[in-house]
Amino acid sequence: MYSKQEGKLVLKLDWFILSYCCLVYFTNYLDRSNINNAYVSGMKEELSMQGTDFNKINSIFTAGYIVGMIPNNLMLQVIPPRIWLPLCQIIWGVLTFGTSAVHNVQQVYAIRFFQGLAESSTFVGTHYILGSWYRPAELGKRSGIFTSSGLAGTLFSGVLQGSVFRNLNGTSGRSGWRWLFIIDGVITLPIAFYGFWVFPDVPATTNVFYLNEEERKLAITRLQGHVNVTHSPLSWQLFKRMLTRWRWYACSLLFAISGETESFGSNNLMGQWLAAIGGYSVEQIDFYPAGVTAFGIASTLVCATWTDYTQVRWPVLVYMAFAGIVASICILVWSSPTGLKFFAYYLAGASYSGQAITFAWANQICADDDQERAIVLVCDRQHMWNNVVNAWWSIVFYPATDAPRFTKGMIAMIAICVSTLAVTGLVWYLERKEHKLRCAAEKAPPPVESHKDSPNSQNHLLDCK
């Protein structure tokens, strides 16, 4: 339970930090999803896209994302986050406007690369900030709300594209998909300016208007024993520490593999399936895949709330892996009813629940080292290692030419879900082993496991004291 003063502080942090983080991530995913929806709503034909051009657009965006990730996150150690993150958002907002005026797919390639550079600042940067202000036991729910806002952007994109196509297609000589990017840019820029005003730095350096001096001190002291809040200059010792511990290697492996369970949604396979089998209008092709995202939002919020209550993270990864296996089998058996395929695609939305959980888990694992935490978060799911895989994964296993069956993709999904189960077990084992060794070194027994004091609460710095 919080004291009255601490409760007031947490309420302020939730309101100002989460309001900006959620809005910026909403526009981030709105931008990403708009490409998918534009492709099945006229862009393919108007730009004379052929073969795997669509997959190349996503791969080039991913390449830019990979290039920008570590520099962006390290910049947060140099330039205040309240300056750097909104600045990056302005850049991708301007580029979004530019997408509405392209004349060929090569121009889309160039724009998407630079958008990837700018957008790579958002997800890991926000989780670094969340981990700097909240205790590990508070992170799951906040991470869930944050990642759900991105999914809401995906959900809104399909609805927006359907509405834009119906009401604005042809207005002022512009196709509906071009209006989609104009509206996206109009939404994005004001949110960036809001970020300049309210987004904080880390507790040790913040000077935001809504925290007084007493609250700034409380923000630091409330984390002692839970998170190392020391903000030290960058040095080569960081990389030495990181490379001689298991955390970076095991977490990177988990993030690279488990992130590919989201391939159903990130490649809009349901939209491509509906477009390929025929019989559905453009509006239906835009609207129906929203169910995948809606189930993902519900799964994320329920799982995040549950993990904060129990402090156990790994069961969520088990849940999403089994959901992916079931969904893939249902689609792989092509003679199955259309209704079952709808169910399978919607069930695959469970994979989104891993986003919040793996970030909360990584924040928790590295709670005793602020700088290591920043680097490990860069490598978290949907980021560096996952994007290294994404750069070629969709072209090999989910090429647009494989619609509507995506047979290779379904087999690959089953394999990746099984691998996720194995690596999740490895990370849990290594985390628990480290905890036991630390407890032994401090000559204190490890805590008794219960739903309130589980294996994954072990990284609270006072557990063994």
Protein backbone atom coordinates (compact mmCIF):
# COMPACT_ATOMS: atom_id res chain seq x y z
CA MET A 1 0.00 0.00 0.00
CA TYR A 2 1.10 3.56 -0.72
CA SER A 3 1.26 6.41 1.75
CA LYS A 4 -0.87 9.42 0.83
CA GLN A 5 2.19 11.28 -0.49
CA GLU A 6 3.47 8.33 -2.51
CA GLY A 7 0.01 7.61 -3.88
CA LYS A 8 -0.23 11.19 -5.11
CA LEU A 9 3.19 10.89 -6.75
CA VAL A 10 2.34 7.62 -8.54
CA LEU A 11 -0.94 9.12 -9.75
CA LYS A 12 0.95 12.06 -11.28
CA LEU A 13 3.47 9.73 -12.92
CA ASP A 14 0.70 7.56 -14.35
CA TRP A 15 -1.15 10.53 -15.73
CA PHE A 16 1.70 12.44 -17.35
CA ILE A 17 4.11 9.64 -18.32
CA LEU A 18 1.52 7.17 -19.55
CA SER A 19 -0.59 9.78 -21.32
CA TYR A 20 2.32 10.80 -23.55
CA CYS A 21 3.77 7.30 -23.90
CA CYS A 22 0.44 5.84 -24.92
CA LEU A 23 -0.33 8.61 -27.39
CA VAL A 24 3.09 8.43 -29.02
CA TYR A 25 2.97 4.64 -29.30
CA PHE A 26 -0.56 4.87 -30.68
CA THR A 27 0.73 7.04 -33.54
CA ASN A 28 3.78 4.79 -33.92
CA TYR A 29 1.65 1.73 -34.61
CA LEU A 30 -0.92 3.73 -36.56
CA ASP A 31 1.88 4.60 -38.97
CA ARG A 32 3.13 1.01 -39.20
CA SER A 33 -0.34 -0.45 -39.72
CA ASN A 34 -1.32 2.16 -42.29
CA ILE A 35 1.15 0.66 -44.75
CA ASN A 36 -0.51 -2.74 -44.37
CA ASN A 37 -3.99 -1.31 -44.79
CA ALA A 38 -2.99 0.97 -47.64
CA TYR A 39 -1.54 -2.01 -49.52
CA VAL A 40 -4.89 -3.84 -49.60
CA SER A 41 -6.83 -0.60 -50.21
CA GLY A 42 -5.43 0.57 -53.54
CA MET A 43 -1.75 1.37 -53.02
CA LYS A 44 -0.66 -1.91 -54.61
CA GLU A 45 -2.45 -1.13 -57.86
CA GLU A 46 -1.71 2.60 -57.97
CA LEU A 47 2.04 2.14 -57.45
CA SER A 48 2.15 -0.98 -59.67
CA MET A 49 3.61 -3.07 -56.87
CA GLN A 50 4.64 -6.59 -57.84
CA GLY A 51 5.72 -9.82 -56.14
CA THR A 52 7.34 -9.18 -52.76
CA ASP A 53 7.42 -5.36 -53.00
CA PHE A 54 5.16 -5.17 -49.94
CA ASN A 55 7.49 -7.39 -47.93
CA LYS A 56 10.45 -5.28 -49.02
CA ILE A 57 8.77 -2.14 -47.68
CA ASN A 58 8.49 -3.74 -44.25
CA SER A 59 12.02 -5.14 -44.41
CA ILE A 60 13.51 -1.75 -45.30
CA PHE A 61 11.59 -0.15 -42.43
CA THR A 62 13.00 -2.85 -40.17
CA ALA A 63 16.53 -2.16 -41.43
CA GLY A 64 16.17 1.49 -40.47
CA TYR A 65 14.76 0.44 -37.12
CA ILE A 66 17.77 -1.79 -36.44
CA VAL A 67 20.28 0.90 -37.41
CA GLY A 68 18.63 3.47 -35.16
CA MET A 69 17.93 1.45 -32.04
CA ILE A 70 21.13 1.47 -30.01
CA PRO A 71 22.08 5.06 -30.98
CA ASN A 72 18.58 6.24 -30.04
CA ASN A 73 18.62 4.53 -26.67
CA LEU A 74 22.14 5.70 -25.86
CA MET A 75 21.10 9.23 -26.82
CA LEU A 76 18.71 9.10 -23.88
CA GLN A 77 21.83 8.96 -21.68
CA VAL A 78 23.05 12.20 -23.30
CA ILE A 79 20.01 14.27 -24.39
CA PRO A 80 16.98 14.57 -22.07
CA PRO A 81 14.24 12.10 -23.08
CA ARG A 82 11.68 14.93 -23.04
CA ILE A 83 13.64 16.48 -25.93
CA TRP A 84 14.86 13.47 -27.86
CA LEU A 85 11.70 11.35 -28.03
CA PRO A 86 9.32 14.13 -29.18
CA LEU A 87 11.93 15.30 -31.71
CA CYS A 88 12.03 11.83 -33.26
CA GLN A 89 8.24 11.83 -33.38
CA ILE A 90 8.21 15.10 -35.31
CA ILE A 91 10.60 13.60 -37.85
CA TRP A 92 8.45 10.56 -38.52
CA GLY A 93 5.31 12.72 -38.58
CA VAL A 94 6.76 14.82 -41.39
CA LEU A 95 7.80 11.65 -43.25
CA THR A 96 4.27 10.31 -42.87
CA PHE A 97 2.95 13.35 -44.71
CA GLY A 98 5.51 12.59 -47.42
CA THR A 99 4.13 9.09 -47.92
CA SER A 100 0.86 10.59 -49.13
CA ALA A 101 2.65 12.12 -52.13
CA VAL A 102 4.76 9.18 -53.41
CA HIS A 103 4.65 8.21 -57.08
CA ASN A 104 6.44 4.86 -57.01
CA VAL A 105 7.41 2.12 -54.60
CA GLN A 106 11.07 3.22 -54.54
CA GLN A 107 10.04 6.47 -52.87
CA VAL A 108 8.14 4.45 -50.27
CA TYR A 109 11.32 2.43 -49.63
CA ALA A 110 13.34 5.58 -48.89
CA ILE A 111 10.71 7.13 -46.62
CA ARG A 112 10.17 3.93 -44.66
CA PHE A 113 13.89 3.53 -43.96
CA PHE A 114 14.11 6.96 -42.34
CA GLN A 115 10.84 6.42 -40.51
CA GLY A 116 12.35 3.26 -39.06
CA LEU A 117 15.33 5.30 -37.83
CA ALA A 118 13.05 7.77 -36.06
CA GLU A 119 10.47 5.32 -34.70
CA SER A 120 13.11 3.06 -33.16
CA SER A 121 13.41 5.58 -30.34
CA THR A 122 9.91 5.02 -29.00
CA PHE A 123 9.39 1.54 -27.59
CA VAL A 124 12.67 0.82 -25.84
CA GLY A 125 13.06 4.45 -24.82
CA THR A 126 9.69 4.43 -23.12
CA HIS A 127 10.38 1.16 -21.33
CA TYR A 128 13.70 2.54 -20.14
CA ILE A 129 11.82 5.50 -18.66
CA LEU A 130 9.12 3.29 -17.13
CA GLY A 131 11.82 1.16 -15.52
CA SER A 132 13.43 4.33 -14.14
CA TRP A 133 10.29 5.55 -12.36
CA TYR A 134 8.41 2.41 -11.31
CA ARG A 135 9.21 -0.57 -9.11
CA PRO A 136 9.38 -3.98 -10.82
CA ALA A 137 6.08 -4.97 -9.18
CA GLU A 138 4.44 -1.92 -10.80
CA LEU A 139 5.77 -2.44 -14.31
CA GLY A 140 3.56 -5.19 -15.71
CA LYS A 141 0.32 -3.22 -15.66
CA ARG A 142 1.97 -0.02 -16.94
CA SER A 143 3.75 -1.90 -19.69
CA GLY A 144 0.47 -3.57 -20.59
CA ILE A 145 -1.36 -0.27 -20.87
CA PHE A 146 1.49 1.17 -22.93
CA THR A 147 1.74 -1.71 -25.40
CA SER A 148 -2.05 -1.87 -25.67
CA SER A 149 -2.01 1.72 -26.88
CA GLY A 150 0.14 0.59 -29.80
CA LEU A 151 -2.30 -2.20 -30.53
CA ALA A 152 -5.09 0.38 -30.38
CA GLY A 153 -3.23 2.22 -33.14
CA THR A 154 -3.32 -0.95 -35.23
CA LEU A 155 -6.99 -1.43 -34.43
CA PHE A 156 -7.82 2.18 -35.26
CA SER A 157 -5.83 2.07 -38.50
CA GLY A 158 -8.10 -0.54 -40.06
CA VAL A 159 -11.24 1.29 -38.99
CA LEU A 160 -9.76 4.61 -40.15
CA GLN A 161 -8.74 3.22 -43.54
CA GLY A 162 -12.20 1.75 -44.11
CA SER A 163 -13.84 5.06 -43.21
CA VAL A 164 -11.38 7.11 -45.27
CA PHE A 165 -11.85 4.88 -48.31
CA ARG A 166 -15.61 5.21 -48.04
CA ASN A 167 -15.72 8.98 -47.44
CA LEU A 168 -12.56 10.55 -48.87
CA ASN A 169 -11.47 8.29 -51.74
CA GLY A 170 -11.08 10.58 -54.76
CA THR A 171 -11.49 13.84 -52.79
CA SER A 172 -9.20 16.57 -54.23
CA GLY A 173 -7.91 13.98 -56.67
CA ARG A 174 -6.33 11.85 -53.93
CA SER A 175 -6.88 8.16 -53.35
CA GLY A 176 -8.24 7.02 -49.99
CA TRP A 177 -4.94 5.43 -48.95
CA ARG A 178 -3.14 8.76 -49.51
CA TRP A 179 -5.62 10.56 -47.25
CA LEU A 180 -4.86 7.96 -44.60
CA PHE A 181 -1.24 9.16 -44.31
CA ILE A 182 -2.29 12.82 -44.26
CA ILE A 183 -4.66 12.18 -41.36
CA ASP A 184 -1.96 10.14 -39.61
CA GLY A 185 0.47 13.07 -39.85
CA VAL A 186 -2.14 15.50 -38.54
CA ILE A 187 -2.64 13.25 -35.50
CA THR A 188 1.10 12.74 -34.87
CA LEU A 189 2.57 16.25 -34.70
CA PRO A 190 0.47 17.77 -31.85
CA ILE A 191 1.29 14.77 -29.65
CA ALA A 192 5.01 15.43 -30.16
CA PHE A 193 4.63 18.99 -28.88
CA TYR A 194 2.72 17.67 -25.88
CA GLY A 195 5.76 15.47 -25.15
CA PHE A 196 8.10 18.49 -25.03
CA TRP A 197 5.89 19.83 -22.26
CA VAL A 198 5.21 16.82 -20.00
CA PHE A 199 7.66 13.97 -20.59
CA PRO A 200 10.24 13.62 -17.76
CA ASP A 201 13.86 12.56 -17.71
CA VAL A 202 15.02 10.01 -15.12
CA PRO A 203 14.24 10.80 -11.43
CA ALA A 204 17.76 12.03 -10.66
CA THR A 205 17.67 14.73 -13.35
CA THR A 206 14.00 15.59 -13.87
CA ASN A 207 12.74 19.16 -13.57
CA VAL A 208 9.19 18.75 -14.88
CA PHE A 209 6.68 21.31 -13.64
CA TYR A 210 4.28 18.84 -12.03
CA LEU A 211 6.75 17.48 -9.45
CA ASN A 212 7.94 19.57 -6.52
CA GLU A 213 11.31 19.07 -4.83
CA GLU A 214 9.89 16.79 -2.17
CA GLU A 215 8.25 14.57 -4.79
CA ARG A 216 11.48 14.40 -6.81
CA LYS A 217 13.32 13.11 -3.77
CA LEU A 218 10.52 10.63 -3.02
CA ALA A 219 10.67 9.38 -6.61
CA ILE A 220 14.28 8.34 -5.96
CA THR A 221 13.93 6.99 -2.42
CA ARG A 222 10.85 4.87 -3.21
CA LEU A 223 12.92 2.88 -5.72
CA GLN A 224 15.82 2.15 -3.38
CA GLY A 225 16.07 -1.58 -2.78
CA HIS A 226 14.09 -2.23 -5.96
CA VAL A 227 15.89 -0.46 -8.82
CA ASN A 228 19.39 0.96 -9.19
CA VAL A 229 18.62 4.59 -10.08
CA THR A 230 22.26 5.72 -10.32
CA HIS A 231 22.71 7.59 -13.60
CA SER A 232 26.41 7.18 -14.41
CA PRO A 233 28.35 8.40 -17.46
CA LEU A 234 28.78 5.92 -20.31
CA SER A 235 31.97 3.87 -20.14
CA TRP A 236 33.52 0.69 -21.52
CA GLN A 237 32.86 -0.96 -18.17
CA LEU A 238 29.22 -1.19 -19.22
CA PHE A 239 30.04 -3.46 -22.14
CA LYS A 240 32.42 -5.53 -20.01
CA ARG A 241 29.68 -6.12 -17.44
CA MET A 242 27.12 -6.89 -20.10
CA LEU A 243 29.28 -9.36 -22.05
CA THR A 244 30.38 -11.31 -18.96
CA ARG A 245 26.84 -11.92 -17.68
CA TRP A 246 24.13 -14.26 -18.97
CA ARG A 247 21.41 -11.63 -19.11
CA TRP A 248 22.12 -10.02 -22.47
CA TYR A 249 22.67 -13.34 -24.25
CA ALA A 250 19.64 -15.19 -22.89
CA CYS A 251 17.24 -12.25 -23.09
CA SER A 252 18.34 -11.44 -26.63
CA LEU A 253 17.68 -15.03 -27.67
CA LEU A 254 14.24 -14.94 -26.08
CA PHE A 255 13.39 -11.61 -27.68
CA ALA A 256 14.60 -12.64 -31.14
CA ILE A 257 12.58 -15.85 -31.15
CA SER A 258 9.40 -14.93 -29.29
CA GLY A 259 8.96 -11.72 -31.27
CA GLU A 260 8.25 -13.72 -34.42
CA THR A 261 5.06 -15.08 -32.86
CA GLU A 262 3.54 -11.72 -33.85
CA SER A 263 4.00 -12.41 -37.57
CA PHE A 264 0.27 -12.95 -38.10
CA GLY A 265 -0.48 -9.38 -37.10
CA SER A 266 2.67 -7.57 -38.21
CA ASN A 267 2.28 -8.89 -41.77
CA ASN A 268 -1.53 -8.45 -41.84
CA LEU A 269 -1.94 -12.06 -42.95
CA MET A 270 -5.67 -11.97 -42.34
CA GLY A 271 -6.12 -8.95 -44.59
CA GLN A 272 -4.04 -10.58 -47.32
CA TRP A 273 -6.04 -13.82 -46.90
CA LEU A 274 -9.38 -12.02 -47.27
CA ALA A 275 -8.15 -10.08 -50.30
CA ALA A 276 -6.79 -13.24 -51.98
CA ILE A 277 -9.84 -15.50 -51.54
CA GLY A 278 -12.21 -12.81 -52.82
CA GLY A 279 -15.81 -12.11 -51.91
CA TYR A 280 -15.02 -9.29 -49.46
CA SER A 281 -15.26 -5.53 -49.99
CA VAL A 282 -12.35 -3.15 -49.33
CA GLU A 283 -14.09 -1.97 -46.16
CA GLN A 284 -14.49 -5.56 -44.92
CA ILE A 285 -10.84 -6.32 -45.68
CA ASP A 286 -9.91 -3.26 -43.58
CA PHE A 287 -12.38 -3.91 -40.75
CA TYR A 288 -12.29 -7.67 -40.12
CA PRO A 289 -8.59 -7.96 -39.16
CA ALA A 290 -9.27 -5.50 -36.33
CA GLY A 291 -10.49 -8.52 -34.36
CA VAL A 292 -6.90 -9.82 -34.19
CA THR A 293 -5.78 -6.62 -32.53
CA ALA A 294 -8.83 -6.43 -30.25
CA PHE A 295 -8.06 -9.88 -28.86
CA GLY A 296 -4.42 -8.84 -28.49
CA ILE A 297 -5.39 -5.80 -26.42
CA ALA A 298 -7.64 -7.88 -24.16
CA SER A 299 -4.94 -10.53 -23.69
CA THR A 300 -2.29 -7.91 -22.95
CA LEU A 301 -4.29 -6.10 -20.29
CA VAL A 302 -5.43 -9.28 -18.54
CA CYS A 303 -1.95 -10.85 -18.60
CA ALA A 304 -0.20 -7.65 -17.48
CA THR A 305 -2.56 -7.20 -14.54
CA TRP A 306 -2.15 -10.84 -13.54
CA THR A 307 1.67 -10.72 -13.68
CA ASP A 308 1.81 -7.61 -11.49
CA TYR A 309 -0.37 -9.38 -8.94
CA THR A 310 1.59 -12.65 -8.95
CA GLN A 311 5.03 -11.32 -10.04
CA VAL A 312 5.31 -14.38 -12.31
CA ARG A 313 6.06 -13.48 -15.95
CA TRP A 314 6.84 -16.72 -17.79
CA PRO A 315 3.29 -18.25 -18.00
CA VAL A 316 2.25 -15.50 -20.40
CA LEU A 317 4.88 -16.63 -22.90
CA VAL A 318 3.58 -20.19 -22.56
CA TYR A 319 0.03 -18.96 -23.21
CA MET A 320 0.93 -17.04 -26.36
CA ALA A 321 3.07 -19.89 -27.71
CA PHE A 322 0.25 -22.41 -27.37
CA ALA A 323 -2.20 -19.95 -28.96
CA GLY A 324 0.15 -19.59 -31.93
CA ILE A 325 0.46 -23.35 -32.35
CA VAL A 326 -3.31 -23.88 -32.30
CA ALA A 327 -3.92 -21.00 -34.74
CA SER A 328 -1.29 -22.26 -37.16
CA ILE A 329 -2.68 -25.78 -37.22
CA CYS A 330 -6.21 -24.51 -37.88
CA ILE A 331 -5.01 -22.50 -40.89
CA LEU A 332 -2.58 -25.15 -42.11
CA VAL A 333 -5.46 -27.61 -42.48
CA TRP A 334 -6.86 -25.77 -45.49
CA SER A 335 -10.05 -27.84 -45.65
CA SER A 336 -11.12 -26.39 -42.29
CA PRO A 337 -14.24 -24.13 -42.34
CA THR A 338 -13.86 -20.42 -43.00
CA GLY A 339 -15.29 -19.72 -39.54
CA LEU A 340 -12.49 -21.75 -37.94
CA LYS A 341 -9.91 -19.74 -39.89
CA PHE A 342 -11.45 -16.51 -38.57
CA PHE A 343 -11.18 -17.96 -35.06
CA ALA A 344 -7.54 -18.95 -35.69
CA TYR A 345 -6.51 -15.50 -36.89
CA TYR A 346 -8.22 -13.84 -33.93
CA LEU A 347 -6.64 -16.32 -31.48
CA ALA A 348 -3.22 -15.45 -32.93
CA GLY A 349 -3.69 -11.98 -31.45
CA ALA A 350 -2.67 -13.54 -28.11
CA SER A 351 0.94 -13.20 -29.30
CA TYR A 352 0.79 -9.46 -28.60
CA SER A 353 0.52 -10.12 -24.87
CA GLY A 354 4.22 -10.96 -24.77
CA GLN A 355 5.32 -7.40 -25.56
CA ALA A 356 4.53 -5.94 -22.16
CA ILE A 357 5.58 -9.03 -20.25
CA THR A 358 9.05 -9.49 -21.73
CA PHE A 359 9.87 -5.82 -21.16
CA ALA A 360 8.68 -5.99 -17.56
CA TRP A 361 10.71 -9.18 -17.14
CA ALA A 362 13.84 -7.57 -18.63
CA ASN A 363 13.44 -4.49 -16.44
CA GLN A 364 13.14 -6.81 -13.45
CA ILE A 365 16.13 -8.99 -14.37
CA CYS A 366 18.40 -5.95 -14.80
CA ALA A 367 16.97 -3.85 -11.98
CA ASP A 368 20.38 -3.62 -10.27
CA ASP A 369 22.20 -2.06 -13.25
CA ASP A 370 20.68 1.02 -14.92
CA GLN A 371 22.95 1.07 -17.96
CA GLU A 372 22.81 -2.67 -18.61
CA ARG A 373 19.04 -2.40 -18.39
CA ALA A 374 19.06 0.26 -21.13
CA ILE A 375 21.09 -1.96 -23.49
CA VAL A 376 19.15 -5.16 -22.75
CA LEU A 377 15.88 -3.32 -23.40
CA VAL A 378 17.19 -2.29 -26.81
CA CYS A 379 17.51 -5.98 -27.59
CA ASP A 380 14.03 -6.83 -26.32
CA ARG A 381 11.30 -8.29 -28.45
CA GLN A 382 10.27 -6.43 -31.57
CA HIS A 383 13.58 -4.61 -31.38
CA MET A 384 17.18 -5.18 -32.27
CA TRP A 385 17.48 -8.97 -32.46
CA ASN A 386 13.85 -9.45 -33.35
CA ASN A 387 14.20 -6.86 -36.10
CA VAL A 388 17.37 -8.50 -37.38
CA VAL A 389 15.22 -11.60 -37.90
CA ASN A 390 12.26 -9.58 -39.20
CA ALA A 391 14.41 -8.05 -41.93
CA TRP A 392 14.30 -11.34 -43.83
CA TRP A 393 11.73 -13.49 -42.01
CA SER A 394 8.61 -12.14 -43.74
CA ILE A 395 10.19 -12.36 -47.19
CA VAL A 396 11.14 -16.01 -46.67
CA PHE A 397 8.09 -17.29 -44.78
CA TYR A 398 5.27 -14.80 -45.44
CA PRO A 399 5.76 -13.44 -48.98
CA ALA A 400 2.66 -11.74 -50.36
CA THR A 401 2.76 -14.23 -53.23
CA ASP A 402 1.93 -17.05 -50.75
CA ALA A 403 -1.50 -15.60 -49.96
CA PRO A 404 -3.97 -16.95 -49.05
CA ARG A 405 -2.50 -20.16 -47.55
CA PHE A 406 0.93 -19.10 -46.24
CA THR A 407 1.84 -22.77 -45.79
CA LYS A 408 5.53 -22.10 -45.10
CA GLY A 409 4.56 -19.42 -42.63
CA MET A 410 2.25 -21.69 -40.65
CA ILE A 411 4.95 -24.35 -40.32
CA ALA A 412 7.48 -21.69 -39.31
CA MET A 413 5.04 -20.35 -36.71
CA ILE A 414 4.68 -23.75 -35.06
CA ALA A 415 8.46 -24.10 -34.92
CA ILE A 416 8.94 -20.62 -33.47
CA CYS A 417 6.30 -21.19 -30.79
CA VAL A 418 7.97 -24.43 -29.68
CA SER A 419 11.32 -22.61 -29.58
CA THR A 420 9.75 -19.84 -27.49
CA LEU A 421 8.70 -22.39 -24.89
CA ALA A 422 12.23 -23.78 -24.69
CA VAL A 423 13.99 -20.41 -24.40
CA THR A 424 11.46 -19.15 -21.83
CA GLY A 425 12.42 -22.11 -19.65
CA LEU A 426 16.11 -21.27 -20.10
CA VAL A 427 15.69 -17.63 -19.03
CA TRP A 428 13.62 -18.63 -16.00
CA TYR A 429 16.29 -21.17 -14.97
CA LEU A 430 19.19 -18.72 -15.32
CA GLU A 431 17.34 -15.97 -13.47
CA ARG A 432 16.52 -18.30 -10.58
CA LYS A 433 20.09 -19.65 -10.47
CA GLU A 434 21.50 -16.12 -10.23
CA HIS A 435 19.11 -15.32 -7.43
CA LYS A 436 20.11 -18.40 -5.43
CA LEU A 437 23.80 -17.58 -5.84
CA ARG A 438 23.25 -14.02 -4.66
CA CYS A 439 21.25 -15.19 -1.67
CA ALA A 440 23.97 -17.68 -0.79
CA ALA A 441 26.62 -14.98 -1.06
CA GLU A 442 24.65 -12.81 1.33
CA LYS A 443 24.21 -15.81 3.66
CA ALA A 444 20.46 -15.64 3.50
CA PRO A 445 18.05 -18.31 2.26
CA PRO A 446 16.01 -17.61 -0.87
CA PRO A 447 12.42 -16.52 -0.25
CA VAL A 448 9.65 -19.11 -0.08
CA GLU A 449 7.83 -19.17 -3.39
CA SER A 450 4.22 -18.11 -3.32
CA HIS A 451 1.89 -16.14 -5.54
CA LYS A 452 3.04 -12.97 -3.79
CA ASP A 453 6.72 -13.95 -3.62
CA SER A 454 7.49 -15.87 -6.76
CA PRO A 455 10.70 -16.81 -8.61
CA ASN A 456 10.40 -13.67 -10.65
CA SER A 457 10.34 -11.30 -7.69
CA GLN A 458 13.94 -12.28 -7.05
CA ASN A 459 15.50 -9.22 -8.65
CA HIS A 460 14.20 -6.85 -6.01
CA LEU A 461 17.46 -5.81 -4.46
CA LEU A 462 16.35 -6.41 -0.86
CA ASP A 463 14.97 -9.95 -1.33
CA CYS A 464 17.92 -11.60 0.38
CA LYS A 465 18.50 -8.99 3.08
